[in-house]
Amino acid sequence: MNGEQGSKPIDNNARWKGEVFTPLVSTLIAEIVQLGGEADLARTFAQFRKEFEPALQQLRDRLMATAMDRGLEP
């Protein structure tokens, strides 16, 4: 699936013109790619992911705990 539409968020914006983020972020990604900054963009996104994924996991875990306290079955 690598290199196909939907396989990577950055590719969705840069190659397939799909909007994964906000319109402004999509525009910035396209401009960075046009300026030849794909490697820098990939490094920036990798750093973002390292910080963002744990935050999303914590949010999901907190919401799951609240839902289970209210009777949600796993």
PDB file of N, CA and C in Angstrom:
ATOM      1  N   MET A   1       0.824  -1.186   0.000  1.00  0.00           N
ATOM      2  CA  MET A   1       0.000   0.000   0.000  1.00  0.00           C
ATOM      3  C   MET A   1       0.868   1.250   0.000  1.00  0.00           C
ATOM      4  N   ASN A   2       2.150   1.093   0.198  1.00  0.00           N
ATOM      5  CA  ASN A   2       3.051   2.235   0.238  1.00  0.00           C
ATOM      6  C   ASN A   2       3.058   2.929  -1.117  1.00  0.00           C
ATOM      7  N   GLY A   3       2.881   4.253  -1.128  1.00  0.00           N
ATOM      8  CA  GLY A   3       2.878   5.004  -2.363  1.00  0.00           C
ATOM      9  C   GLY A   3       1.523   5.096  -3.025  1.00  0.00           C
ATOM     10  N   GLU A   4       0.539   4.380  -2.504  1.00  0.00           N
ATOM     11  CA  GLU A   4      -0.806   4.444  -3.049  1.00  0.00           C
ATOM     12  C   GLU A   4      -1.605   5.498  -2.305  1.00  0.00           C
ATOM     13  N   GLN A   5      -2.645   5.956  -2.945  1.00  0.00           N
ATOM     14  CA  GLN A   5      -3.495   6.956  -2.315  1.00  0.00           C
ATOM     15  C   GLN A   5      -4.006   6.421  -0.982  1.00  0.00           C
ATOM     16  N   GLY A   6      -3.851   7.225   0.054  1.00  0.00           N
ATOM     17  CA  GLY A   6      -4.301   6.854   1.379  1.00  0.00           C
ATOM     18  C   GLY A   6      -3.250   6.189   2.237  1.00  0.00           C
ATOM     19  N   SER A   7      -2.072   5.881   1.670  1.00  0.00           N
ATOM     20  CA  SER A   7      -1.068   5.133   2.429  1.00  0.00           C
ATOM     21  C   SER A   7      -0.318   6.003   3.425  1.00  0.00           C
ATOM     22  N   LYS A   8      -0.172   7.295   3.140  1.00  0.00           N
ATOM     23  CA  LYS A   8       0.551   8.190   4.034  1.00  0.00           C
ATOM     24  C   LYS A   8      -0.128   9.555   4.032  1.00  0.00           C
ATOM     25  N   PRO A   9      -0.308  10.158   5.196  1.00  0.00           N
ATOM     26  CA  PRO A   9      -0.968  11.477   5.240  1.00  0.00           C
ATOM     27  C   PRO A   9      -0.274  12.536   4.401  1.00  0.00           C
ATOM     28  N   ILE A  10       1.062  12.565   4.439  1.00  0.00           N
ATOM     29  CA  ILE A  10       1.784  13.577   3.663  1.00  0.00           C
ATOM     30  C   ILE A  10       1.563  13.345   2.172  1.00  0.00           C
ATOM     31  N   ASP A  11       1.618  12.084   1.729  1.00  0.00           N
ATOM     32  CA  ASP A  11       1.378  11.790   0.320  1.00  0.00           C
ATOM     33  C   ASP A  11      -0.028  12.175  -0.097  1.00  0.00           C
ATOM     34  N   ASN A  12      -0.994  11.978   0.787  1.00  0.00           N
ATOM     35  CA  ASN A  12      -2.361  12.359   0.449  1.00  0.00           C
ATOM     36  C   ASN A  12      -2.431  13.833   0.107  1.00  0.00           C
ATOM     37  N   ASN A  13      -1.699  14.647   0.854  1.00  0.00           N
ATOM     38  CA  ASN A  13      -1.700  16.079   0.581  1.00  0.00           C
ATOM     39  C   ASN A  13      -0.843  16.410  -0.630  1.00  0.00           C
ATOM     40  N   ALA A  14       0.358  15.885  -0.679  1.00  0.00           N
ATOM     41  CA  ALA A  14       1.327  16.294  -1.691  1.00  0.00           C
ATOM     42  C   ALA A  14       1.049  15.699  -3.071  1.00  0.00           C
ATOM     43  N   ARG A  15       0.779  14.419  -3.128  1.00  0.00           N
ATOM     44  CA  ARG A  15       0.640  13.755  -4.423  1.00  0.00           C
ATOM     45  C   ARG A  15      -0.797  13.652  -4.889  1.00  0.00           C
ATOM     46  N   TRP A  16      -1.686  13.292  -3.964  1.00  0.00           N
ATOM     47  CA  TRP A  16      -3.056  12.993  -4.360  1.00  0.00           C
ATOM     48  C   TRP A  16      -3.995  14.172  -4.146  1.00  0.00           C
ATOM     49  N   LYS A  17      -3.473  15.236  -3.578  1.00  0.00           N
ATOM     50  CA  LYS A  17      -4.250  16.457  -3.315  1.00  0.00           C
ATOM     51  C   LYS A  17      -5.433  16.192  -2.397  1.00  0.00           C
ATOM     52  N   GLY A  18      -5.323  15.154  -1.582  1.00  0.00           N
ATOM     53  CA  GLY A  18      -6.369  14.858  -0.620  1.00  0.00           C
ATOM     54  C   GLY A  18      -6.128  15.658   0.641  1.00  0.00           C
ATOM     55  N   GLU A  19      -7.173  16.152   1.214  1.00  0.00           N
ATOM     56  CA  GLU A  19      -7.039  16.966   2.416  1.00  0.00           C
ATOM     57  C   GLU A  19      -7.159  16.077   3.649  1.00  0.00           C
ATOM     58  N   VAL A  20      -6.062  15.929   4.359  1.00  0.00           N
ATOM     59  CA  VAL A  20      -6.036  15.111   5.563  1.00  0.00           C
ATOM     60  C   VAL A  20      -6.081  16.011   6.785  1.00  0.00           C
ATOM     61  N   PHE A  21      -5.466  17.176   6.652  1.00  0.00           N
ATOM     62  CA  PHE A  21      -5.384  18.117   7.747  1.00  0.00           C
ATOM     63  C   PHE A  21      -6.298  19.306   7.429  1.00  0.00           C
ATOM     64  N   THR A  22      -6.013  20.457   7.970  1.00  0.00           N
ATOM     65  CA  THR A  22      -6.792  21.646   7.656  1.00  0.00           C
ATOM     66  C   THR A  22      -6.398  22.161   6.277  1.00  0.00           C
ATOM     67  N   PRO A  23      -7.221  23.003   5.670  1.00  0.00           N
ATOM     68  CA  PRO A  23      -6.850  23.566   4.367  1.00  0.00           C
ATOM     69  C   PRO A  23      -5.506  24.304   4.403  1.00  0.00           C
ATOM     70  N   LEU A  24      -5.233  25.036   5.479  1.00  0.00           N
ATOM     71  CA  LEU A  24      -3.964  25.752   5.579  1.00  0.00           C
ATOM     72  C   LEU A  24      -2.797  24.779   5.621  1.00  0.00           C
ATOM     73  N   VAL A  25      -2.897  23.721   6.415  1.00  0.00           N
ATOM     74  CA  VAL A  25      -1.817  22.738   6.500  1.00  0.00           C
ATOM     75  C   VAL A  25      -1.628  22.054   5.152  1.00  0.00           C
ATOM     76  N   SER A  26      -2.713  21.737   4.475  1.00  0.00           N
ATOM     77  CA  SER A  26      -2.609  21.122   3.157  1.00  0.00           C
ATOM     78  C   SER A  26      -1.880  22.036   2.185  1.00  0.00           C
ATOM     79  N   THR A  27      -2.177  23.320   2.239  1.00  0.00           N
ATOM     80  CA  THR A  27      -1.505  24.293   1.374  1.00  0.00           C
ATOM     81  C   THR A  27      -0.026  24.394   1.717  1.00  0.00           C
ATOM     82  N   LEU A  28       0.292  24.443   3.001  1.00  0.00           N
ATOM     83  CA  LEU A  28       1.691  24.518   3.422  1.00  0.00           C
ATOM     84  C   LEU A  28       2.470  23.293   2.963  1.00  0.00           C
ATOM     85  N   ILE A  29       1.880  22.115   3.089  1.00  0.00           N
ATOM     86  CA  ILE A  29       2.538  20.885   2.650  1.00  0.00           C
ATOM     87  C   ILE A  29       2.814  20.954   1.152  1.00  0.00           C
ATOM     88  N   ALA A  30       1.827  21.366   0.366  1.00  0.00           N
ATOM     89  CA  ALA A  30       2.014  21.463  -1.080  1.00  0.00           C
ATOM     90  C   ALA A  30       3.126  22.449  -1.426  1.00  0.00           C
ATOM     91  N   GLU A  31       3.167  23.585  -0.735  1.00  0.00           N
ATOM     92  CA  GLU A  31       4.205  24.584  -0.998  1.00  0.00           C
ATOM     93  C   GLU A  31       5.589  24.058  -0.626  1.00  0.00           C
ATOM     94  N   ILE A  32       5.695  23.361   0.497  1.00  0.00           N
ATOM     95  CA  ILE A  32       6.980  22.799   0.928  1.00  0.00           C
ATOM     96  C   ILE A  32       7.476  21.780  -0.091  1.00  0.00           C
ATOM     97  N   VAL A  33       6.576  20.933  -0.583  1.00  0.00           N
ATOM     98  CA  VAL A  33       6.950  19.941  -1.587  1.00  0.00           C
ATOM     99  C   VAL A  33       7.407  20.636  -2.864  1.00  0.00           C
ATOM    100  N   GLN A  34       6.692  21.667  -3.292  1.00  0.00           N
ATOM    101  CA  GLN A  34       7.078  22.405  -4.501  1.00  0.00           C
ATOM    102  C   GLN A  34       8.453  23.040  -4.353  1.00  0.00           C
ATOM    103  N   LEU A  35       8.820  23.416  -3.135  1.00  0.00           N
ATOM    104  CA  LEU A  35      10.127  24.032  -2.880  1.00  0.00           C
ATOM    105  C   LEU A  35      11.233  23.002  -2.673  1.00  0.00           C
ATOM    106  N   GLY A  36      10.893  21.727  -2.818  1.00  0.00           N
ATOM    107  CA  GLY A  36      11.891  20.670  -2.702  1.00  0.00           C
ATOM    108  C   GLY A  36      12.172  20.226  -1.278  1.00  0.00           C
ATOM    109  N   GLY A  37      11.246  20.461  -0.379  1.00  0.00           N
ATOM    110  CA  GLY A  37      11.475  20.152   1.023  1.00  0.00           C
ATOM    111  C   GLY A  37      10.848  18.871   1.516  1.00  0.00           C
ATOM    112  N   GLU A  38      10.697  17.872   0.641  1.00  0.00           N
ATOM    113  CA  GLU A  38      10.046  16.625   1.069  1.00  0.00           C
ATOM    114  C   GLU A  38      10.785  15.931   2.203  1.00  0.00           C
ATOM    115  N   ALA A  39      12.122  15.909   2.160  1.00  0.00           N
ATOM    116  CA  ALA A  39      12.888  15.240   3.223  1.00  0.00           C
ATOM    117  C   ALA A  39      12.694  15.973   4.548  1.00  0.00           C
ATOM    118  N   ASP A  40      12.741  17.305   4.515  1.00  0.00           N
ATOM    119  CA  ASP A  40      12.508  18.088   5.736  1.00  0.00           C
ATOM    120  C   ASP A  40      11.089  17.876   6.249  1.00  0.00           C
ATOM    121  N   LEU A  41      10.150  17.819   5.330  1.00  0.00           N
ATOM    122  CA  LEU A  41       8.756  17.599   5.696  1.00  0.00           C
ATOM    123  C   LEU A  41       8.582  16.234   6.353  1.00  0.00           C
ATOM    124  N   ALA A  42       9.236  15.216   5.799  1.00  0.00           N
ATOM    125  CA  ALA A  42       9.145  13.869   6.373  1.00  0.00           C
ATOM    126  C   ALA A  42       9.718  13.836   7.783  1.00  0.00           C
ATOM    127  N   ARG A  43      10.853  14.515   7.988  1.00  0.00           N
ATOM    128  CA  ARG A  43      11.446  14.564   9.340  1.00  0.00           C
ATOM    129  C   ARG A  43      10.530  15.307  10.310  1.00  0.00           C
ATOM    130  N   THR A  44       9.951  16.403   9.850  1.00  0.00           N
ATOM    131  CA  THR A  44       9.039  17.175  10.701  1.00  0.00           C
ATOM    132  C   THR A  44       7.823  16.341  11.073  1.00  0.00           C
ATOM    133  N   PHE A  45       7.278  15.616  10.090  1.00  0.00           N
ATOM    134  CA  PHE A  45       6.103  14.796  10.356  1.00  0.00           C
ATOM    135  C   PHE A  45       6.439  13.646  11.293  1.00  0.00           C
ATOM    136  N   ALA A  46       7.621  13.063  11.144  1.00  0.00           N
ATOM    137  CA  ALA A  46       8.034  11.975  12.037  1.00  0.00           C
ATOM    138  C   ALA A  46       8.121  12.470  13.476  1.00  0.00           C
ATOM    139  N   GLN A  47       8.659  13.664  13.667  1.00  0.00           N
ATOM    140  CA  GLN A  47       8.746  14.236  15.016  1.00  0.00           C
ATOM    141  C   GLN A  47       7.351  14.527  15.558  1.00  0.00           C
ATOM    142  N   PHE A  48       6.503  15.077  14.715  1.00  0.00           N
ATOM    143  CA  PHE A  48       5.114  15.370  15.097  1.00  0.00           C
ATOM    144  C   PHE A  48       4.407  14.094  15.537  1.00  0.00           C
ATOM    145  N   ARG A  49       4.607  13.016  14.778  1.00  0.00           N
ATOM    146  CA  ARG A  49       3.951  11.750  15.090  1.00  0.00           C
ATOM    147  C   ARG A  49       4.418  11.212  16.435  1.00  0.00           C
ATOM    148  N   LYS A  50       5.733  11.332  16.713  1.00  0.00           N
ATOM    149  CA  LYS A  50       6.272  10.852  17.985  1.00  0.00           C
ATOM    150  C   LYS A  50       5.616  11.549  19.155  1.00  0.00           C
ATOM    151  N   GLU A  51       5.293  12.814  18.994  1.00  0.00           N
ATOM    152  CA  GLU A  51       4.657  13.580  20.068  1.00  0.00           C
ATOM    153  C   GLU A  51       3.146  13.401  20.073  1.00  0.00           C
ATOM    154  N   PHE A  52       2.548  13.242  18.892  1.00  0.00           N
ATOM    155  CA  PHE A  52       1.101  13.237  18.760  1.00  0.00           C
ATOM    156  C   PHE A  52       0.483  11.893  19.123  1.00  0.00           C
ATOM    157  N   GLU A  53       1.118  10.794  18.713  1.00  0.00           N
ATOM    158  CA  GLU A  53       0.551   9.483  18.969  1.00  0.00           C
ATOM    159  C   GLU A  53       0.359   9.205  20.458  1.00  0.00           C
ATOM    160  N   PRO A  54       1.356   9.470  21.327  1.00  0.00           N
ATOM    161  CA  PRO A  54       1.123   9.240  22.755  1.00  0.00           C
ATOM    162  C   PRO A  54      -0.008  10.111  23.315  1.00  0.00           C
ATOM    163  N   ALA A  55      -0.114  11.334  22.826  1.00  0.00           N
ATOM    164  CA  ALA A  55      -1.197  12.210  23.292  1.00  0.00           C
ATOM    165  C   ALA A  55      -2.551  11.644  22.887  1.00  0.00           C
ATOM    166  N   LEU A  56      -2.640  11.114  21.676  1.00  0.00           N
ATOM    167  CA  LEU A  56      -3.898  10.505  21.233  1.00  0.00           C
ATOM    168  C   LEU A  56      -4.214   9.245  22.027  1.00  0.00           C
ATOM    169  N   GLN A  57      -3.201   8.448  22.325  1.00  0.00           N
ATOM    170  CA  GLN A  57      -3.420   7.235  23.114  1.00  0.00           C
ATOM    171  C   GLN A  57      -3.916   7.584  24.510  1.00  0.00           C
ATOM    172  N   GLN A  58      -3.325   8.597  25.123  1.00  0.00           N
ATOM    173  CA  GLN A  58      -3.756   9.020  26.455  1.00  0.00           C
ATOM    174  C   GLN A  58      -5.195   9.515  26.427  1.00  0.00           C
ATOM    175  N   LEU A  59      -5.542  10.285  25.414  1.00  0.00           N
ATOM    176  CA  LEU A  59      -6.910  10.783  25.281  1.00  0.00           C
ATOM    177  C   LEU A  59      -7.882   9.628  25.106  1.00  0.00           C
ATOM    178  N   ARG A  60      -7.538   8.675  24.222  1.00  0.00           N
ATOM    179  CA  ARG A  60      -8.393   7.508  24.017  1.00  0.00           C
ATOM    180  C   ARG A  60      -8.560   6.705  25.299  1.00  0.00           C
ATOM    181  N   ASP A  61      -7.463   6.483  26.020  1.00  0.00           N
ATOM    182  CA  ASP A  61      -7.520   5.708  27.261  1.00  0.00           C
ATOM    183  C   ASP A  61      -8.398   6.392  28.298  1.00  0.00           C
ATOM    184  N   ARG A  62      -8.269   7.721  28.405  1.00  0.00           N
ATOM    185  CA  ARG A  62      -9.089   8.468  29.362  1.00  0.00           C
ATOM    186  C   ARG A  62     -10.568   8.377  28.996  1.00  0.00           C
ATOM    187  N   LEU A  63     -10.879   8.548  27.719  1.00  0.00           N
ATOM    188  CA  LEU A  63     -12.272   8.458  27.280  1.00  0.00           C
ATOM    189  C   LEU A  63     -12.816   7.045  27.435  1.00  0.00           C
ATOM    190  N   MET A  64     -11.979   6.042  27.165  1.00  0.00           N
ATOM    191  CA  MET A  64     -12.404   4.654  27.331  1.00  0.00           C
ATOM    192  C   MET A  64     -12.700   4.352  28.796  1.00  0.00           C
ATOM    193  N   ALA A  65     -11.854   4.831  29.689  1.00  0.00           N
ATOM    194  CA  ALA A  65     -12.074   4.615  31.122  1.00  0.00           C
ATOM    195  C   ALA A  65     -13.387   5.259  31.567  1.00  0.00           C
ATOM    196  N   THR A  66     -13.648   6.450  31.088  1.00  0.00           N
ATOM    197  CA  THR A  66     -14.896   7.140  31.435  1.00  0.00           C
ATOM    198  C   THR A  66     -16.098   6.354  30.893  1.00  0.00           C
ATOM    199  N   ALA A  67     -15.987   5.885  29.658  1.00  0.00           N
ATOM    200  CA  ALA A  67     -17.082   5.119  29.048  1.00  0.00           C
ATOM    201  C   ALA A  67     -17.317   3.813  29.797  1.00  0.00           C
ATOM    202  N   MET A  68     -16.238   3.155  30.218  1.00  0.00           N
ATOM    203  CA  MET A  68     -16.387   1.895  30.954  1.00  0.00           C
ATOM    204  C   MET A  68     -16.990   2.148  32.336  1.00  0.00           C
ATOM    205  N   ASP A  69     -16.627   3.267  32.968  1.00  0.00           N
ATOM    206  CA  ASP A  69     -17.239   3.631  34.242  1.00  0.00           C
ATOM    207  C   ASP A  69     -18.746   3.816  34.099  1.00  0.00           C
ATOM    208  N   ARG A  70     -19.155   4.213  32.917  1.00  0.00           N
ATOM    209  CA  ARG A  70     -20.591   4.447  32.643  1.00  0.00           C
ATOM    210  C   ARG A  70     -21.291   3.193  32.135  1.00  0.00           C
ATOM    211  N   GLY A  71     -20.566   2.086  32.022  1.00  0.00           N
ATOM    212  CA  GLY A  71     -21.185   0.828  31.664  1.00  0.00           C
ATOM    213  C   GLY A  71     -20.828   0.262  30.308  1.00  0.00           C
ATOM    214  N   LEU A  72     -19.947   0.894  29.562  1.00  0.00           N
ATOM    215  CA  LEU A  72     -19.535   0.343  28.276  1.00  0.00           C
ATOM    216  C   LEU A  72     -18.809  -0.969  28.501  1.00  0.00           C
ATOM    217  N   GLU A  73     -19.186  -1.992  27.748  1.00  0.00           N
ATOM    218  CA  GLU A  73     -18.535  -3.292  27.846  1.00  0.00           C
ATOM    219  C   GLU A  73     -17.372  -3.326  26.849  1.00  0.00           C
ATOM    220  N   PRO A  74     -16.205  -3.856  27.264  1.00  0.00           N
ATOM    221  CA  PRO A  74     -15.054  -3.909  26.336  1.00  0.00           C
ATOM    222  C   PRO A  74     -15.263  -4.821  25.167  1.00  0.00           C
TER     223      PRO A  74
END
